[in-house]
Amino acid sequence: MKELTGVISAAQAAVERALSRVRSQLLQGDLGDMERVVQAALRPVGAAMVEAAVAVRSQREGDASSACAGYGRRRRLVARGRPRHLQGLVGDYCLRRPYYHCRRCKEGATPLDAVLGVGPEYCSPGVASVVCRLGIETSFAQAVALVEATVGIGVDDATARRLVERMGAIAERAQARRQG
């Protein structure tokens, strides 16, 4: 519970900032307008909570050794808080996590990304999932428009295409393994 104190404090401060920004807008318009104002106001709150939670995980797991996949040797810790910007379902994040480097193969790695399910795109796993589900059912342009209209997050067509194609490739490999 002690670890969550920072997450709670970050959320409380973000709620206060959000309410002070939208106070006048919140009491105007119809219910749909109010919901959009609240949804936009809560994104920084969600972002603050996620960033604080990842910071706790980063500290907890950051001292674990990281072995190089190619050489099996321990990688050198280069930075404790390497930034990674992501667009997420509940906010836009700047995640800070440990970054390691192998002197022998010259490859760098952020092992916490794999634990968190973070891929190469600027989207969080949650956004990627929504975009993929919609991209499978509709065109990429329609999927992007639906994500913007319902979740309030802008994703470009090229990103939607890459996400859906990557997910399709993963599904094909899984199916081949099951059949073979």
N, C-alpha and C. Protein backbone atom coordinates (compact mmCIF):
# COMPACT_ATOMS: atom_id res chain seq x y z
N MET A 1 0.82 -1.19 0.00
CA MET A 1 0.00 0.00 0.00
C MET A 1 0.86 1.25 0.00
N LYS A 2 2.02 1.18 0.65
CA LYS A 2 2.91 2.33 0.71
C LYS A 2 3.34 2.76 -0.69
N GLU A 3 3.55 1.79 -1.58
CA GLU A 3 3.94 2.10 -2.95
C GLU A 3 2.88 2.91 -3.68
N LEU A 4 1.61 2.71 -3.32
CA LEU A 4 0.52 3.41 -4.01
C LEU A 4 0.34 4.84 -3.54
N THR A 5 0.99 5.25 -2.49
CA THR A 5 0.84 6.61 -1.98
C THR A 5 1.17 7.64 -3.06
N GLY A 6 2.25 7.42 -3.79
CA GLY A 6 2.64 8.34 -4.87
C GLY A 6 1.62 8.35 -6.00
N VAL A 7 1.05 7.20 -6.31
CA VAL A 7 0.03 7.12 -7.36
C VAL A 7 -1.20 7.91 -6.94
N ILE A 8 -1.61 7.74 -5.69
CA ILE A 8 -2.79 8.45 -5.17
C ILE A 8 -2.54 9.95 -5.14
N SER A 9 -1.37 10.35 -4.68
CA SER A 9 -1.04 11.78 -4.64
C SER A 9 -1.04 12.39 -6.03
N ALA A 10 -0.48 11.69 -7.00
CA ALA A 10 -0.45 12.18 -8.38
C ALA A 10 -1.86 12.33 -8.93
N ALA A 11 -2.72 11.37 -8.62
CA ALA A 11 -4.11 11.42 -9.09
C ALA A 11 -4.85 12.59 -8.45
N GLN A 12 -4.68 12.78 -7.16
CA GLN A 12 -5.37 13.87 -6.47
C GLN A 12 -4.96 15.22 -7.03
N ALA A 13 -3.68 15.42 -7.25
CA ALA A 13 -3.20 16.69 -7.80
C ALA A 13 -3.74 16.90 -9.22
N ALA A 14 -3.77 15.83 -10.01
CA ALA A 14 -4.27 15.94 -11.38
C ALA A 14 -5.77 16.24 -11.41
N VAL A 15 -6.54 15.66 -10.48
CA VAL A 15 -7.98 15.94 -10.39
C VAL A 15 -8.20 17.42 -10.07
N GLU A 16 -7.45 17.95 -9.12
CA GLU A 16 -7.59 19.36 -8.76
C GLU A 16 -7.28 20.27 -9.95
N ARG A 17 -6.21 19.97 -10.68
CA ARG A 17 -5.86 20.78 -11.86
C ARG A 17 -6.94 20.67 -12.93
N ALA A 18 -7.44 19.46 -13.15
CA ALA A 18 -8.47 19.24 -14.17
C ALA A 18 -9.75 19.99 -13.84
N LEU A 19 -10.19 19.91 -12.59
CA LEU A 19 -11.42 20.60 -12.19
C LEU A 19 -11.29 22.12 -12.30
N SER A 20 -10.14 22.64 -11.97
CA SER A 20 -9.97 24.09 -12.08
C SER A 20 -9.99 24.54 -13.54
N ARG A 21 -9.55 23.69 -14.47
CA ARG A 21 -9.55 24.04 -15.89
C ARG A 21 -10.95 24.00 -16.50
N VAL A 22 -11.80 23.07 -16.06
CA VAL A 22 -13.08 22.86 -16.73
C VAL A 22 -14.30 23.30 -15.93
N ARG A 23 -14.08 23.93 -14.80
CA ARG A 23 -15.17 24.31 -13.91
C ARG A 23 -16.30 25.01 -14.65
N SER A 24 -16.02 26.02 -15.44
CA SER A 24 -17.08 26.79 -16.12
C SER A 24 -17.72 25.98 -17.25
N GLN A 25 -16.94 25.17 -17.96
CA GLN A 25 -17.48 24.38 -19.07
C GLN A 25 -18.39 23.25 -18.59
N LEU A 26 -18.12 22.75 -17.40
CA LEU A 26 -18.86 21.60 -16.88
C LEU A 26 -20.33 21.91 -16.66
N LEU A 27 -20.66 23.16 -16.41
CA LEU A 27 -22.04 23.53 -16.12
C LEU A 27 -22.78 24.07 -17.33
N GLN A 28 -22.25 23.82 -18.52
CA GLN A 28 -22.88 24.31 -19.75
C GLN A 28 -23.21 23.14 -20.67
N GLY A 29 -24.12 23.39 -21.60
CA GLY A 29 -24.45 22.41 -22.63
C GLY A 29 -25.32 21.27 -22.12
N ASP A 30 -25.51 20.33 -23.02
CA ASP A 30 -26.31 19.16 -22.67
C ASP A 30 -25.43 18.09 -22.03
N LEU A 31 -26.02 16.95 -21.73
CA LEU A 31 -25.28 15.88 -21.07
C LEU A 31 -24.11 15.39 -21.92
N GLY A 32 -24.31 15.31 -23.23
CA GLY A 32 -23.23 14.90 -24.13
C GLY A 32 -22.04 15.85 -24.04
N ASP A 33 -22.34 17.16 -23.99
CA ASP A 33 -21.26 18.15 -23.84
C ASP A 33 -20.53 17.95 -22.51
N MET A 34 -21.30 17.73 -21.46
CA MET A 34 -20.69 17.53 -20.14
C MET A 34 -19.79 16.29 -20.14
N GLU A 35 -20.27 15.22 -20.75
CA GLU A 35 -19.47 13.99 -20.80
C GLU A 35 -18.16 14.22 -21.55
N ARG A 36 -18.21 14.95 -22.68
CA ARG A 36 -16.99 15.21 -23.43
C ARG A 36 -16.01 16.06 -22.61
N VAL A 37 -16.53 17.04 -21.87
CA VAL A 37 -15.68 17.88 -21.02
C VAL A 37 -15.03 17.02 -19.94
N VAL A 38 -15.81 16.17 -19.29
CA VAL A 38 -15.27 15.31 -18.23
C VAL A 38 -14.28 14.31 -18.80
N GLN A 39 -14.61 13.72 -19.94
CA GLN A 39 -13.70 12.75 -20.56
C GLN A 39 -12.35 13.41 -20.87
N ALA A 40 -12.38 14.59 -21.44
CA ALA A 40 -11.13 15.30 -21.75
C ALA A 40 -10.40 15.70 -20.48
N ALA A 41 -11.14 16.13 -19.46
CA ALA A 41 -10.52 16.56 -18.20
C ALA A 41 -9.88 15.40 -17.47
N LEU A 42 -10.43 14.21 -17.60
CA LEU A 42 -9.91 13.06 -16.86
C LEU A 42 -8.70 12.40 -17.52
N ARG A 43 -8.44 12.70 -18.77
CA ARG A 43 -7.26 12.12 -19.43
C ARG A 43 -5.96 12.45 -18.70
N PRO A 44 -5.74 13.72 -18.29
CA PRO A 44 -4.51 13.99 -17.53
C PRO A 44 -4.48 13.28 -16.17
N VAL A 45 -5.64 13.03 -15.59
CA VAL A 45 -5.70 12.31 -14.32
C VAL A 45 -5.26 10.86 -14.55
N GLY A 46 -5.82 10.23 -15.57
CA GLY A 46 -5.42 8.87 -15.91
C GLY A 46 -3.95 8.78 -16.25
N ALA A 47 -3.46 9.77 -17.00
CA ALA A 47 -2.04 9.78 -17.36
C ALA A 47 -1.16 9.87 -16.12
N ALA A 48 -1.53 10.74 -15.19
CA ALA A 48 -0.74 10.89 -13.96
C ALA A 48 -0.71 9.59 -13.17
N MET A 49 -1.84 8.90 -13.11
CA MET A 49 -1.90 7.63 -12.38
C MET A 49 -1.03 6.57 -13.04
N VAL A 50 -1.13 6.46 -14.36
CA VAL A 50 -0.33 5.46 -15.08
C VAL A 50 1.15 5.77 -14.95
N GLU A 51 1.53 7.03 -15.14
CA GLU A 51 2.94 7.41 -15.03
C GLU A 51 3.48 7.09 -13.63
N ALA A 52 2.70 7.40 -12.60
CA ALA A 52 3.15 7.14 -11.23
C ALA A 52 3.25 5.63 -10.98
N ALA A 53 2.31 4.86 -11.48
CA ALA A 53 2.35 3.41 -11.29
C ALA A 53 3.54 2.79 -12.02
N VAL A 54 3.83 3.27 -13.23
CA VAL A 54 4.99 2.75 -13.96
C VAL A 54 6.28 3.15 -13.25
N ALA A 55 6.30 4.33 -12.64
CA ALA A 55 7.49 4.75 -11.89
C ALA A 55 7.74 3.79 -10.72
N VAL A 56 6.67 3.37 -10.06
CA VAL A 56 6.82 2.41 -8.96
C VAL A 56 7.35 1.09 -9.50
N ARG A 57 6.76 0.61 -10.59
CA ARG A 57 7.22 -0.65 -11.20
C ARG A 57 8.67 -0.53 -11.66
N SER A 58 9.01 0.61 -12.22
CA SER A 58 10.35 0.84 -12.72
C SER A 58 11.37 0.77 -11.59
N GLN A 59 11.05 1.37 -10.46
CA GLN A 59 11.95 1.30 -9.32
C GLN A 59 12.05 -0.12 -8.76
N ARG A 60 10.92 -0.79 -8.72
CA ARG A 60 10.89 -2.14 -8.15
C ARG A 60 11.64 -3.12 -9.05
N GLU A 61 11.45 -3.00 -10.35
CA GLU A 61 12.03 -3.97 -11.27
C GLU A 61 13.29 -3.46 -11.96
N GLY A 62 13.62 -2.19 -11.72
CA GLY A 62 14.75 -1.58 -12.42
C GLY A 62 16.10 -2.11 -12.03
N ASP A 63 16.24 -2.67 -10.86
CA ASP A 63 17.53 -3.17 -10.42
C ASP A 63 17.76 -4.62 -10.83
N ALA A 64 16.74 -5.24 -11.40
CA ALA A 64 16.91 -6.62 -11.86
C ALA A 64 17.90 -6.63 -13.02
N SER A 65 18.75 -7.62 -13.05
CA SER A 65 19.73 -7.67 -14.14
C SER A 65 19.03 -7.98 -15.45
N SER A 66 19.61 -7.50 -16.49
CA SER A 66 19.06 -7.69 -17.82
C SER A 66 20.12 -8.38 -18.67
N ALA A 67 19.84 -9.61 -19.06
CA ALA A 67 20.80 -10.37 -19.85
C ALA A 67 20.58 -10.12 -21.33
N CYS A 68 21.66 -10.01 -22.08
CA CYS A 68 21.59 -9.82 -23.53
C CYS A 68 21.10 -11.12 -24.17
N ALA A 69 20.13 -11.02 -25.04
CA ALA A 69 19.59 -12.20 -25.70
C ALA A 69 20.63 -12.87 -26.60
N GLY A 70 21.48 -12.09 -27.23
CA GLY A 70 22.47 -12.64 -28.15
C GLY A 70 23.68 -13.25 -27.46
N TYR A 71 24.13 -12.64 -26.37
CA TYR A 71 25.36 -13.10 -25.72
C TYR A 71 25.14 -13.69 -24.33
N GLY A 72 23.97 -13.48 -23.75
CA GLY A 72 23.70 -14.02 -22.43
C GLY A 72 24.43 -13.30 -21.31
N ARG A 73 25.14 -12.26 -21.65
CA ARG A 73 25.88 -11.48 -20.64
C ARG A 73 24.98 -10.39 -20.08
N ARG A 74 25.31 -9.96 -18.89
CA ARG A 74 24.54 -8.91 -18.25
C ARG A 74 24.74 -7.58 -18.98
N ARG A 75 23.64 -6.91 -19.24
CA ARG A 75 23.71 -5.59 -19.86
C ARG A 75 24.00 -4.54 -18.81
N ARG A 76 24.57 -3.43 -19.26
CA ARG A 76 24.89 -2.32 -18.37
C ARG A 76 23.70 -1.38 -18.30
N LEU A 77 23.34 -0.94 -17.09
CA LEU A 77 22.27 0.03 -16.90
C LEU A 77 22.78 1.39 -17.35
N VAL A 78 22.13 1.98 -18.35
CA VAL A 78 22.55 3.27 -18.90
C VAL A 78 21.72 4.39 -18.29
N ALA A 79 20.42 4.16 -18.15
CA ALA A 79 19.53 5.20 -17.61
C ALA A 79 18.42 4.54 -16.80
N ARG A 80 18.10 5.13 -15.66
CA ARG A 80 17.01 4.60 -14.83
C ARG A 80 15.65 5.08 -15.32
N GLY A 81 15.62 6.22 -15.98
CA GLY A 81 14.34 6.79 -16.38
C GLY A 81 14.27 7.22 -17.82
N ARG A 82 14.55 6.32 -18.73
CA ARG A 82 14.48 6.66 -20.15
C ARG A 82 13.02 6.91 -20.53
N PRO A 83 12.73 8.07 -21.14
CA PRO A 83 11.33 8.41 -21.43
C PRO A 83 10.78 7.70 -22.67
N ARG A 84 9.50 7.41 -22.60
CA ARG A 84 8.78 6.83 -23.75
C ARG A 84 7.39 7.44 -23.74
N HIS A 85 7.05 8.14 -24.81
CA HIS A 85 5.75 8.81 -24.91
C HIS A 85 4.76 7.89 -25.60
N LEU A 86 3.61 7.73 -24.98
CA LEU A 86 2.56 6.88 -25.52
C LEU A 86 1.21 7.58 -25.44
N GLN A 87 0.36 7.24 -26.38
CA GLN A 87 -1.02 7.70 -26.35
C GLN A 87 -1.85 6.54 -25.82
N GLY A 88 -2.53 6.77 -24.68
CA GLY A 88 -3.26 5.69 -24.04
C GLY A 88 -4.75 5.95 -23.96
N LEU A 89 -5.49 4.95 -23.56
CA LEU A 89 -6.94 5.09 -23.42
C LEU A 89 -7.33 6.11 -22.37
N VAL A 90 -6.55 6.19 -21.29
CA VAL A 90 -6.90 7.10 -20.20
C VAL A 90 -5.98 8.31 -20.12
N GLY A 91 -5.17 8.54 -21.13
CA GLY A 91 -4.31 9.71 -21.15
C GLY A 91 -3.10 9.50 -22.03
N ASP A 92 -2.34 10.56 -22.19
CA ASP A 92 -1.09 10.49 -22.93
C ASP A 92 0.02 10.44 -21.90
N TYR A 93 0.88 9.44 -22.01
CA TYR A 93 1.85 9.16 -20.96
C TYR A 93 3.27 9.47 -21.40
N CYS A 94 4.09 9.79 -20.43
CA CYS A 94 5.54 9.78 -20.60
C CYS A 94 6.04 8.79 -19.56
N LEU A 95 6.27 7.58 -20.02
CA LEU A 95 6.73 6.53 -19.12
C LEU A 95 8.25 6.61 -19.01
N ARG A 96 8.75 6.50 -17.80
CA ARG A 96 10.19 6.52 -17.57
C ARG A 96 10.58 5.15 -17.01
N ARG A 97 11.47 4.47 -17.75
CA ARG A 97 11.83 3.11 -17.34
C ARG A 97 13.30 2.85 -17.59
N PRO A 98 13.86 1.81 -16.96
CA PRO A 98 15.29 1.53 -17.08
C PRO A 98 15.68 1.15 -18.51
N TYR A 99 16.84 1.62 -18.94
CA TYR A 99 17.38 1.31 -20.26
C TYR A 99 18.75 0.68 -20.09
N TYR A 100 18.94 -0.47 -20.73
CA TYR A 100 20.19 -1.23 -20.63
C TYR A 100 20.87 -1.29 -22.00
N HIS A 101 22.18 -1.51 -21.97
CA HIS A 101 22.95 -1.60 -23.21
C HIS A 101 23.98 -2.71 -23.09
N CYS A 102 24.12 -3.48 -24.16
CA CYS A 102 25.13 -4.53 -24.22
C CYS A 102 26.35 -3.99 -24.97
N ARG A 103 27.48 -3.99 -24.31
CA ARG A 103 28.71 -3.46 -24.93
C ARG A 103 29.16 -4.33 -26.10
N ARG A 104 28.87 -5.59 -26.01
CA ARG A 104 29.36 -6.52 -27.02
C ARG A 104 28.58 -6.41 -28.34
N CYS A 105 27.25 -6.49 -28.26
CA CYS A 105 26.46 -6.46 -29.51
C CYS A 105 25.96 -5.06 -29.84
N LYS A 106 26.16 -4.12 -28.93
CA LYS A 106 25.77 -2.71 -29.12
C LYS A 106 24.26 -2.50 -29.18
N GLU A 107 23.49 -3.46 -28.68
CA GLU A 107 22.04 -3.36 -28.66
C GLU A 107 21.57 -2.81 -27.32
N GLY A 108 20.54 -1.98 -27.36
CA GLY A 108 19.92 -1.46 -26.16
C GLY A 108 18.58 -2.13 -25.91
N ALA A 109 18.11 -2.07 -24.68
CA ALA A 109 16.84 -2.71 -24.36
C ALA A 109 16.19 -2.04 -23.15
N THR A 110 14.88 -2.02 -23.17
CA THR A 110 14.07 -1.58 -22.03
C THR A 110 13.15 -2.74 -21.69
N PRO A 111 13.61 -3.68 -20.86
CA PRO A 111 12.85 -4.89 -20.55
C PRO A 111 11.45 -4.62 -19.98
N LEU A 112 11.28 -3.52 -19.28
CA LEU A 112 9.97 -3.23 -18.70
C LEU A 112 8.91 -3.02 -19.79
N ASP A 113 9.33 -2.58 -20.98
CA ASP A 113 8.38 -2.43 -22.08
C ASP A 113 7.68 -3.75 -22.39
N ALA A 114 8.45 -4.81 -22.43
CA ALA A 114 7.86 -6.13 -22.72
C ALA A 114 6.91 -6.55 -21.60
N VAL A 115 7.29 -6.29 -20.37
CA VAL A 115 6.43 -6.63 -19.22
C VAL A 115 5.11 -5.85 -19.30
N LEU A 116 5.20 -4.58 -19.73
CA LEU A 116 4.02 -3.72 -19.83
C LEU A 116 3.22 -3.96 -21.11
N GLY A 117 3.76 -4.72 -22.04
CA GLY A 117 3.06 -4.98 -23.30
C GLY A 117 3.17 -3.84 -24.29
N VAL A 118 4.20 -3.02 -24.16
CA VAL A 118 4.39 -1.87 -25.03
C VAL A 118 5.10 -2.29 -26.30
N GLY A 119 4.50 -1.98 -27.44
CA GLY A 119 5.09 -2.30 -28.72
C GLY A 119 5.82 -1.12 -29.32
N PRO A 120 6.16 -1.19 -30.59
CA PRO A 120 6.95 -0.13 -31.23
C PRO A 120 6.15 1.14 -31.58
N GLU A 121 4.84 1.06 -31.59
CA GLU A 121 4.03 2.22 -31.96
C GLU A 121 3.90 3.20 -30.81
N TYR A 122 3.32 4.34 -31.08
CA TYR A 122 3.10 5.37 -30.06
C TYR A 122 1.82 5.12 -29.27
N CYS A 123 1.15 4.02 -29.53
CA CYS A 123 -0.11 3.69 -28.85
C CYS A 123 0.12 2.72 -27.71
N SER A 124 -0.65 2.89 -26.64
CA SER A 124 -0.61 1.93 -25.54
C SER A 124 -1.25 0.63 -26.01
N PRO A 125 -1.05 -0.46 -25.27
CA PRO A 125 -1.71 -1.71 -25.64
C PRO A 125 -3.23 -1.58 -25.70
N GLY A 126 -3.82 -0.77 -24.82
CA GLY A 126 -5.27 -0.57 -24.84
C GLY A 126 -5.74 0.10 -26.12
N VAL A 127 -5.06 1.16 -26.53
CA VAL A 127 -5.42 1.85 -27.78
C VAL A 127 -5.20 0.92 -28.97
N ALA A 128 -4.07 0.21 -28.95
CA ALA A 128 -3.78 -0.73 -30.04
C ALA A 128 -4.88 -1.78 -30.17
N SER A 129 -5.37 -2.27 -29.05
CA SER A 129 -6.44 -3.28 -29.07
C SER A 129 -7.72 -2.72 -29.69
N VAL A 130 -8.10 -1.52 -29.29
CA VAL A 130 -9.31 -0.90 -29.83
C VAL A 130 -9.16 -0.67 -31.33
N VAL A 131 -8.02 -0.12 -31.74
CA VAL A 131 -7.79 0.15 -33.16
C VAL A 131 -7.81 -1.15 -33.96
N CYS A 132 -7.19 -2.20 -33.43
CA CYS A 132 -7.17 -3.49 -34.14
C CYS A 132 -8.56 -4.08 -34.28
N ARG A 133 -9.32 -4.06 -33.21
CA ARG A 133 -10.68 -4.62 -33.28
C ARG A 133 -11.51 -3.89 -34.33
N LEU A 134 -11.43 -2.56 -34.32
CA LEU A 134 -12.20 -1.79 -35.29
C LEU A 134 -11.62 -1.94 -36.69
N GLY A 135 -10.29 -2.00 -36.81
CA GLY A 135 -9.65 -2.14 -38.11
C GLY A 135 -9.93 -3.47 -38.78
N ILE A 136 -10.20 -4.49 -38.00
CA ILE A 136 -10.56 -5.80 -38.56
C ILE A 136 -11.99 -5.77 -39.09
N GLU A 137 -12.86 -5.04 -38.42
CA GLU A 137 -14.28 -4.98 -38.77
C GLU A 137 -14.61 -3.97 -39.87
N THR A 138 -13.80 -2.92 -39.99
CA THR A 138 -14.08 -1.84 -40.94
C THR A 138 -12.81 -1.49 -41.70
N SER A 139 -12.88 -0.43 -42.49
CA SER A 139 -11.67 0.06 -43.15
C SER A 139 -10.81 0.77 -42.12
N PHE A 140 -9.56 0.99 -42.47
CA PHE A 140 -8.66 1.68 -41.55
C PHE A 140 -9.15 3.11 -41.30
N ALA A 141 -9.62 3.78 -42.34
CA ALA A 141 -10.11 5.15 -42.19
C ALA A 141 -11.33 5.19 -41.26
N GLN A 142 -12.25 4.23 -41.43
CA GLN A 142 -13.42 4.18 -40.55
C GLN A 142 -13.02 3.86 -39.11
N ALA A 143 -12.06 2.96 -38.94
CA ALA A 143 -11.59 2.62 -37.60
C ALA A 143 -11.01 3.85 -36.91
N VAL A 144 -10.22 4.62 -37.63
CA VAL A 144 -9.61 5.83 -37.08
C VAL A 144 -10.71 6.83 -36.69
N ALA A 145 -11.71 6.99 -37.55
CA ALA A 145 -12.81 7.92 -37.27
C ALA A 145 -13.61 7.46 -36.05
N LEU A 146 -13.85 6.16 -35.93
CA LEU A 146 -14.60 5.64 -34.79
C LEU A 146 -13.83 5.82 -33.48
N VAL A 147 -12.53 5.59 -33.51
CA VAL A 147 -11.72 5.78 -32.30
C VAL A 147 -11.78 7.24 -31.88
N GLU A 148 -11.66 8.14 -32.82
CA GLU A 148 -11.72 9.58 -32.52
C GLU A 148 -13.09 9.96 -31.96
N ALA A 149 -14.15 9.46 -32.58
CA ALA A 149 -15.51 9.84 -32.16
C ALA A 149 -15.90 9.25 -30.81
N THR A 150 -15.48 8.04 -30.53
CA THR A 150 -15.95 7.39 -29.30
C THR A 150 -14.99 7.54 -28.12
N VAL A 151 -13.70 7.46 -28.38
CA VAL A 151 -12.73 7.49 -27.30
C VAL A 151 -12.05 8.86 -27.20
N GLY A 152 -12.13 9.64 -28.28
CA GLY A 152 -11.52 10.97 -28.27
C GLY A 152 -10.02 10.94 -28.49
N ILE A 153 -9.54 9.92 -29.17
CA ILE A 153 -8.11 9.77 -29.40
C ILE A 153 -7.87 9.74 -30.91
N GLY A 154 -6.92 10.55 -31.36
CA GLY A 154 -6.57 10.58 -32.77
C GLY A 154 -5.46 9.61 -33.10
N VAL A 155 -5.71 8.74 -34.06
CA VAL A 155 -4.72 7.79 -34.56
C VAL A 155 -4.74 7.92 -36.07
N ASP A 156 -3.57 7.87 -36.71
CA ASP A 156 -3.55 8.01 -38.17
C ASP A 156 -3.78 6.67 -38.86
N ASP A 157 -4.18 6.74 -40.13
CA ASP A 157 -4.48 5.54 -40.91
C ASP A 157 -3.29 4.58 -41.00
N ALA A 158 -2.09 5.13 -41.18
CA ALA A 158 -0.90 4.29 -41.33
C ALA A 158 -0.63 3.50 -40.05
N THR A 159 -0.82 4.12 -38.91
CA THR A 159 -0.64 3.42 -37.63
C THR A 159 -1.68 2.32 -37.49
N ALA A 160 -2.93 2.64 -37.84
CA ALA A 160 -3.99 1.63 -37.76
C ALA A 160 -3.64 0.44 -38.65
N ARG A 161 -3.17 0.70 -39.84
CA ARG A 161 -2.79 -0.38 -40.77
C ARG A 161 -1.68 -1.24 -40.16
N ARG A 162 -0.62 -0.60 -39.65
CA ARG A 162 0.50 -1.35 -39.06
C ARG A 162 0.06 -2.21 -37.88
N LEU A 163 -0.79 -1.63 -37.02
CA LEU A 163 -1.27 -2.37 -35.86
C LEU A 163 -2.07 -3.60 -36.27
N VAL A 164 -2.99 -3.41 -37.21
CA VAL A 164 -3.84 -4.53 -37.66
C VAL A 164 -2.99 -5.58 -38.38
N GLU A 165 -2.07 -5.15 -39.22
CA GLU A 165 -1.22 -6.11 -39.93
C GLU A 165 -0.33 -6.89 -38.96
N ARG A 166 0.22 -6.21 -37.96
CA ARG A 166 1.05 -6.89 -36.96
C ARG A 166 0.22 -7.91 -36.18
N MET A 167 -0.99 -7.50 -35.79
CA MET A 167 -1.87 -8.42 -35.05
C MET A 167 -2.25 -9.61 -35.93
N GLY A 168 -2.50 -9.35 -37.20
CA GLY A 168 -2.82 -10.44 -38.13
C GLY A 168 -1.68 -11.43 -38.26
N ALA A 169 -0.46 -10.92 -38.34
CA ALA A 169 0.70 -11.80 -38.44
C ALA A 169 0.86 -12.65 -37.19
N ILE A 170 0.62 -12.05 -36.04
CA ILE A 170 0.69 -12.81 -34.77
C ILE A 170 -0.38 -13.90 -34.75
N ALA A 171 -1.58 -13.55 -35.19
CA ALA A 171 -2.68 -14.53 -35.22
C ALA A 171 -2.37 -15.67 -36.18
N GLU A 172 -1.78 -15.35 -37.33
CA GLU A 172 -1.43 -16.38 -38.30
C GLU A 172 -0.37 -17.33 -37.74
N ARG A 173 0.64 -16.80 -37.06
CA ARG A 173 1.67 -17.66 -36.46
C ARG A 173 1.07 -18.56 -35.38
N ALA A 174 0.17 -18.00 -34.58
CA ALA A 174 -0.47 -18.80 -33.52
C ALA A 174 -1.31 -19.92 -34.13
N GLN A 175 -2.02 -19.61 -35.20
CA GLN A 175 -2.85 -20.63 -35.85
C GLN A 175 -1.96 -21.70 -36.47
N ALA A 176 -0.86 -21.32 -37.09
CA ALA A 176 0.05 -22.29 -37.69
C ALA A 176 0.62 -23.22 -36.61
N ARG A 177 0.97 -22.67 -35.44
CA ARG A 177 1.48 -23.49 -34.35
C ARG A 177 0.44 -24.50 -33.88
N ARG A 178 -0.81 -24.05 -33.79
CA ARG A 178 -1.87 -24.96 -33.35
C ARG A 178 -2.10 -26.09 -34.35
N GLN A 179 -1.98 -25.77 -35.63
CA GLN A 179 -2.23 -26.78 -36.67
C GLN A 179 -1.01 -27.69 -36.88
N GLY A 180 0.17 -27.17 -36.60
CA GLY A 180 1.40 -27.93 -36.89
C GLY A 180 1.89 -28.64 -35.75
